[in-house]
């Protein structure tokens, strides 16, 4: 073993994290998927997700938006761990792309191509973040509470109209 240097760190990092797997989809198109997820990429993904949750919390949210949170998670996985990095930042557009992938049965095909151990890393980091940060849990709770309240308010408006 030699002395640790910036060059040796860069080589080791490159060797560990720069490999991608080409997955040919049933449409004949292909997507490149990261073989190994970097902790920093997972962290960036979670920061993006938290930012989007904050946007959702500040909006008028319906139960439909709560469903969209899952789609946003899937789109962030694709943005951070595939070559499909041009996924829109706007929640509404992100959800539309996800719905289209889902309708084409491509979403499940892509997600199932991710290495199970790498997906466990994401799950573990999410658990760690939620245990260490009540903030994320509070945001999700706020979104659900707002969505439920909006449903009640909409129901009352409809009742007033009739």
C-alpha atoms as a PDB file:
ATOM      1  CA  UNK A   1       0.000   0.000   0.000  1.00  0.00           C
ATOM      2  CA  UNK A   2       1.222   3.450  -0.847  1.00  0.00           C
ATOM      3  CA  UNK A   3       0.748   6.818   0.736  1.00  0.00           C
ATOM      4  CA  UNK A   4      -2.691   8.349   0.445  1.00  0.00           C
ATOM      5  CA  UNK A   5      -2.640  11.253  -1.990  1.00  0.00           C
ATOM      6  CA  UNK A   6      -5.255  13.321  -3.792  1.00  0.00           C
ATOM      7  CA  UNK A   7      -4.361  11.432  -6.972  1.00  0.00           C
ATOM      8  CA  UNK A   8      -4.876   8.056  -5.316  1.00  0.00           C
ATOM      9  CA  UNK A   9      -8.185   9.283  -3.825  1.00  0.00           C
ATOM     10  CA  UNK A  10      -9.362  10.423  -7.268  1.00  0.00           C
ATOM     11  CA  UNK A  11      -8.371   7.108  -8.874  1.00  0.00           C
ATOM     12  CA  UNK A  12     -10.075   5.042  -6.174  1.00  0.00           C
ATOM     13  CA  UNK A  13     -13.215   7.204  -6.356  1.00  0.00           C
ATOM     14  CA  UNK A  14     -13.355   6.944 -10.132  1.00  0.00           C
ATOM     15  CA  UNK A  15     -12.845   3.182 -10.063  1.00  0.00           C
ATOM     16  CA  UNK A  16     -15.554   2.761  -7.413  1.00  0.00           C
ATOM     17  CA  UNK A  17     -18.279   5.072  -8.750  1.00  0.00           C
ATOM     18  CA  UNK A  18     -17.868   5.733 -12.463  1.00  0.00           C
ATOM     19  CA  UNK A  19     -19.298   2.498 -13.816  1.00  0.00           C
ATOM     20  CA  UNK A  20     -22.717   2.509 -15.417  1.00  0.00           C
ATOM     21  CA  UNK A  21     -24.891  -0.283 -16.708  1.00  0.00           C
ATOM     22  CA  UNK A  22     -26.714   0.038 -20.031  1.00  0.00           C
ATOM     23  CA  UNK A  23     -30.308  -1.137 -19.701  1.00  0.00           C
ATOM     24  CA  UNK A  24     -32.243  -1.682 -22.913  1.00  0.00           C
ATOM     25  CA  UNK A  25     -35.929  -1.089 -22.357  1.00  0.00           C
ATOM     26  CA  UNK A  26     -38.805  -2.928 -24.022  1.00  0.00           C
ATOM     27  CA  UNK A  27     -39.243   0.080 -26.340  1.00  0.00           C
ATOM     28  CA  UNK A  28     -35.743  -0.500 -27.728  1.00  0.00           C
ATOM     29  CA  UNK A  29     -34.504   2.697 -26.046  1.00  0.00           C
ATOM     30  CA  UNK A  30     -31.760   2.414 -23.463  1.00  0.00           C
ATOM     31  CA  UNK A  31     -30.842   4.163 -20.245  1.00  0.00           C
ATOM     32  CA  UNK A  32     -27.543   4.240 -18.385  1.00  0.00           C
ATOM     33  CA  UNK A  33     -27.822   3.403 -14.677  1.00  0.00           C
ATOM     34  CA  UNK A  34     -25.216   4.011 -11.985  1.00  0.00           C
ATOM     35  CA  UNK A  35     -23.871   0.700 -10.721  1.00  0.00           C
ATOM     36  CA  UNK A  36     -22.857   2.129  -7.365  1.00  0.00           C
ATOM     37  CA  UNK A  37     -24.462   5.145  -5.668  1.00  0.00           C
ATOM     38  CA  UNK A  38     -22.213   7.766  -4.092  1.00  0.00           C
ATOM     39  CA  UNK A  39     -23.226   8.866  -0.586  1.00  0.00           C
ATOM     40  CA  UNK A  40     -22.934  12.452  -1.768  1.00  0.00           C
ATOM     41  CA  UNK A  41     -25.349  11.765  -4.653  1.00  0.00           C
ATOM     42  CA  UNK A  42     -27.852  10.228  -2.233  1.00  0.00           C
ATOM     43  CA  UNK A  43     -27.453  13.267   0.032  1.00  0.00           C
ATOM     44  CA  UNK A  44     -28.006  15.643  -2.910  1.00  0.00           C
ATOM     45  CA  UNK A  45     -31.093  13.676  -3.910  1.00  0.00           C
ATOM     46  CA  UNK A  46     -32.490  13.930  -0.368  1.00  0.00           C
ATOM     47  CA  UNK A  47     -31.759  17.662  -0.241  1.00  0.00           C
ATOM     48  CA  UNK A  48     -33.634  18.083  -3.545  1.00  0.00           C
ATOM     49  CA  UNK A  49     -36.512  16.017  -2.184  1.00  0.00           C
ATOM     50  CA  UNK A  50     -36.655  18.054   1.013  1.00  0.00           C
ATOM     51  CA  UNK A  51     -36.714  21.278  -1.038  1.00  0.00           C
ATOM     52  CA  UNK A  52     -39.604  19.979  -3.117  1.00  0.00           C
ATOM     53  CA  UNK A  53     -41.461  18.927   0.039  1.00  0.00           C
ATOM     54  CA  UNK A  54     -41.023  22.472   1.301  1.00  0.00           C
ATOM     55  CA  UNK A  55     -42.494  23.820  -1.967  1.00  0.00           C
ATOM     56  CA  UNK A  56     -45.444  21.442  -1.615  1.00  0.00           C
ATOM     57  CA  UNK A  57     -45.969  22.479   1.988  1.00  0.00           C
ATOM     58  CA  UNK A  58     -46.241  26.133   0.973  1.00  0.00           C
ATOM     59  CA  UNK A  59     -48.729  25.429  -1.833  1.00  0.00           C
ATOM     60  CA  UNK A  60     -52.415  24.732  -1.652  1.00  0.00           C
ATOM     61  CA  UNK A  61     -52.142  20.974  -1.601  1.00  0.00           C
ATOM     62  CA  UNK A  62     -54.735  18.336  -2.334  1.00  0.00           C
ATOM     63  CA  UNK A  63     -54.585  14.626  -1.734  1.00  0.00           C
ATOM     64  CA  UNK A  64     -53.542  14.361  -5.405  1.00  0.00           C
ATOM     65  CA  UNK A  65     -50.321  16.216  -4.551  1.00  0.00           C
ATOM     66  CA  UNK A  66     -49.611  13.757  -1.754  1.00  0.00           C
ATOM     67  CA  UNK A  67     -49.633  10.961  -4.365  1.00  0.00           C
ATOM     68  CA  UNK A  68     -47.298  13.096  -6.448  1.00  0.00           C
ATOM     69  CA  UNK A  69     -44.666  13.021  -3.661  1.00  0.00           C
ATOM     70  CA  UNK A  70     -43.961   9.386  -4.566  1.00  0.00           C
ATOM     71  CA  UNK A  71     -43.599  10.302  -8.230  1.00  0.00           C
ATOM     72  CA  UNK A  72     -41.181  13.091  -7.300  1.00  0.00           C
ATOM     73  CA  UNK A  73     -39.088  10.567  -5.353  1.00  0.00           C
ATOM     74  CA  UNK A  74     -38.920   8.292  -8.412  1.00  0.00           C
ATOM     75  CA  UNK A  75     -37.966  11.184 -10.683  1.00  0.00           C
ATOM     76  CA  UNK A  76     -35.191  12.243  -8.324  1.00  0.00           C
ATOM     77  CA  UNK A  77     -33.862   8.673  -8.356  1.00  0.00           C
ATOM     78  CA  UNK A  78     -33.747   8.851 -12.151  1.00  0.00           C
ATOM     79  CA  UNK A  79     -32.181  12.313 -12.145  1.00  0.00           C
ATOM     80  CA  UNK A  80     -29.418  11.417  -9.703  1.00  0.00           C
ATOM     81  CA  UNK A  81     -28.638   7.811 -10.672  1.00  0.00           C
ATOM     82  CA  UNK A  82     -29.230   7.573 -14.420  1.00  0.00           C
ATOM     83  CA  UNK A  83     -28.254   9.552 -17.494  1.00  0.00           C
ATOM     84  CA  UNK A  84     -31.807  10.980 -17.525  1.00  0.00           C
ATOM     85  CA  UNK A  85     -30.606  14.121 -15.789  1.00  0.00           C
ATOM     86  CA  UNK A  86     -32.779  16.593 -17.712  1.00  0.00           C
ATOM     87  CA  UNK A  87     -35.882  15.845 -15.657  1.00  0.00           C
ATOM     88  CA  UNK A  88     -37.702  19.134 -14.974  1.00  0.00           C
ATOM     89  CA  UNK A  89     -37.366  20.858 -11.598  1.00  0.00           C
ATOM     90  CA  UNK A  90     -40.988  21.988 -11.452  1.00  0.00           C
ATOM     91  CA  UNK A  91     -43.089  19.546  -9.475  1.00  0.00           C
ATOM     92  CA  UNK A  92     -46.014  19.545 -11.918  1.00  0.00           C
ATOM     93  CA  UNK A  93     -43.782  18.825 -14.918  1.00  0.00           C
ATOM     94  CA  UNK A  94     -41.856  16.199 -12.949  1.00  0.00           C
ATOM     95  CA  UNK A  95     -45.094  14.396 -12.125  1.00  0.00           C
ATOM     96  CA  UNK A  96     -46.223  14.496 -15.775  1.00  0.00           C
ATOM     97  CA  UNK A  97     -42.968  12.839 -16.898  1.00  0.00           C
ATOM     98  CA  UNK A  98     -43.373  10.194 -14.187  1.00  0.00           C
ATOM     99  CA  UNK A  99     -46.993   9.522 -15.150  1.00  0.00           C
ATOM    100  CA  UNK A 100     -45.951   9.053 -18.789  1.00  0.00           C
ATOM    101  CA  UNK A 101     -43.138   6.668 -17.816  1.00  0.00           C
ATOM    102  CA  UNK A 102     -45.612   4.823 -15.594  1.00  0.00           C
ATOM    103  CA  UNK A 103     -48.265   4.636 -18.358  1.00  0.00           C
ATOM    104  CA  UNK A 104     -45.651   3.263 -20.774  1.00  0.00           C
ATOM    105  CA  UNK A 105     -44.658   0.642 -18.149  1.00  0.00           C
ATOM    106  CA  UNK A 106     -41.112   1.989 -18.310  1.00  0.00           C
ATOM    107  CA  UNK A 107     -40.902   3.342 -14.762  1.00  0.00           C
ATOM    108  CA  UNK A 108     -41.100  -0.063 -13.119  1.00  0.00           C
ATOM    109  CA  UNK A 109     -38.717  -1.495 -15.711  1.00  0.00           C
ATOM    110  CA  UNK A 110     -36.136   1.210 -14.964  1.00  0.00           C
ATOM    111  CA  UNK A 111     -36.551   1.126 -11.179  1.00  0.00           C
ATOM    112  CA  UNK A 112     -36.223  -2.674 -11.110  1.00  0.00           C
ATOM    113  CA  UNK A 113     -32.894  -2.302 -12.930  1.00  0.00           C
ATOM    114  CA  UNK A 114     -31.343  -0.508  -9.964  1.00  0.00           C
ATOM    115  CA  UNK A 115     -29.109  -2.675  -7.798  1.00  0.00           C
ATOM    116  CA  UNK A 116     -31.071  -3.760  -4.700  1.00  0.00           C
ATOM    117  CA  UNK A 117     -28.109  -3.087  -2.382  1.00  0.00           C
ATOM    118  CA  UNK A 118     -27.779   0.446  -3.742  1.00  0.00           C
ATOM    119  CA  UNK A 119     -31.494   1.078  -3.196  1.00  0.00           C
ATOM    120  CA  UNK A 120     -31.016  -0.132   0.389  1.00  0.00           C
ATOM    121  CA  UNK A 121     -28.379   2.603   0.811  1.00  0.00           C
ATOM    122  CA  UNK A 122     -30.970   5.200  -0.214  1.00  0.00           C
ATOM    123  CA  UNK A 123     -33.551   3.726   2.175  1.00  0.00           C
ATOM    124  CA  UNK A 124     -31.018   3.639   5.007  1.00  0.00           C
ATOM    125  CA  UNK A 125     -30.022   7.254   4.461  1.00  0.00           C
ATOM    126  CA  UNK A 126     -33.695   8.307   4.353  1.00  0.00           C
ATOM    127  CA  UNK A 127     -34.245   6.494   7.666  1.00  0.00           C
ATOM    128  CA  UNK A 128     -31.143   8.118   9.136  1.00  0.00           C
ATOM    129  CA  UNK A 129     -32.242  11.567   7.982  1.00  0.00           C
ATOM    130  CA  UNK A 130     -35.774  11.096   9.314  1.00  0.00           C
ATOM    131  CA  UNK A 131     -34.511   9.817  12.650  1.00  0.00           C
ATOM    132  CA  UNK A 132     -32.042  12.677  12.928  1.00  0.00           C
ATOM    133  CA  UNK A 133     -34.419  15.276  11.612  1.00  0.00           C
ATOM    134  CA  UNK A 134     -37.937  15.727  12.811  1.00  0.00           C
ATOM    135  CA  UNK A 135     -38.132  18.477  10.197  1.00  0.00           C
ATOM    136  CA  UNK A 136     -38.751  16.052   7.327  1.00  0.00           C
ATOM    137  CA  UNK A 137     -41.444  14.251   9.276  1.00  0.00           C
ATOM    138  CA  UNK A 138     -43.036  17.546  10.224  1.00  0.00           C
ATOM    139  CA  UNK A 139     -43.027  18.666   6.581  1.00  0.00           C
ATOM    140  CA  UNK A 140     -44.737  15.466   5.462  1.00  0.00           C
ATOM    141  CA  UNK A 141     -47.223  15.795   8.341  1.00  0.00           C
ATOM    142  CA  UNK A 142     -47.944  19.408   7.354  1.00  0.00           C
ATOM    143  CA  UNK A 143     -48.533  18.389   3.735  1.00  0.00           C
ATOM    144  CA  UNK A 144     -50.998  15.673   4.756  1.00  0.00           C
ATOM    145  CA  UNK A 145     -52.756  18.005   7.212  1.00  0.00           C
ATOM    146  CA  UNK A 146     -53.050  20.778   4.608  1.00  0.00           C
ATOM    147  CA  UNK A 147     -54.291  18.323   1.990  1.00  0.00           C
ATOM    148  CA  UNK A 148     -56.942  16.962   4.356  1.00  0.00           C
ATOM    149  CA  UNK A 149     -58.000  20.494   5.345  1.00  0.00           C
ATOM    150  CA  UNK A 150     -58.219  21.559   1.688  1.00  0.00           C
ATOM    151  CA  UNK A 151     -60.399  18.534   0.919  1.00  0.00           C
ATOM    152  CA  UNK A 152     -62.769  19.565   3.752  1.00  0.00           C
ATOM    153  CA  UNK A 153     -62.815  23.205   2.610  1.00  0.00           C
ATOM    154  CA  UNK A 154     -63.480  22.176  -1.013  1.00  0.00           C
ATOM    155  CA  UNK A 155     -66.289  19.902   0.201  1.00  0.00           C
ATOM    156  CA  UNK A 156     -67.821  22.803   2.149  1.00  0.00           C
ATOM    157  CA  UNK A 157     -67.555  25.107  -0.887  1.00  0.00           C
ATOM    158  CA  UNK A 158     -69.323  22.488  -3.005  1.00  0.00           C
ATOM    159  CA  UNK A 159     -72.041  22.133  -0.359  1.00  0.00           C
ATOM    160  CA  UNK A 160     -72.519  25.941  -0.265  1.00  0.00           C
ATOM    161  CA  UNK A 161     -72.929  26.045  -4.044  1.00  0.00           C
ATOM    162  CA  UNK A 162     -75.690  23.453  -4.020  1.00  0.00           C
END
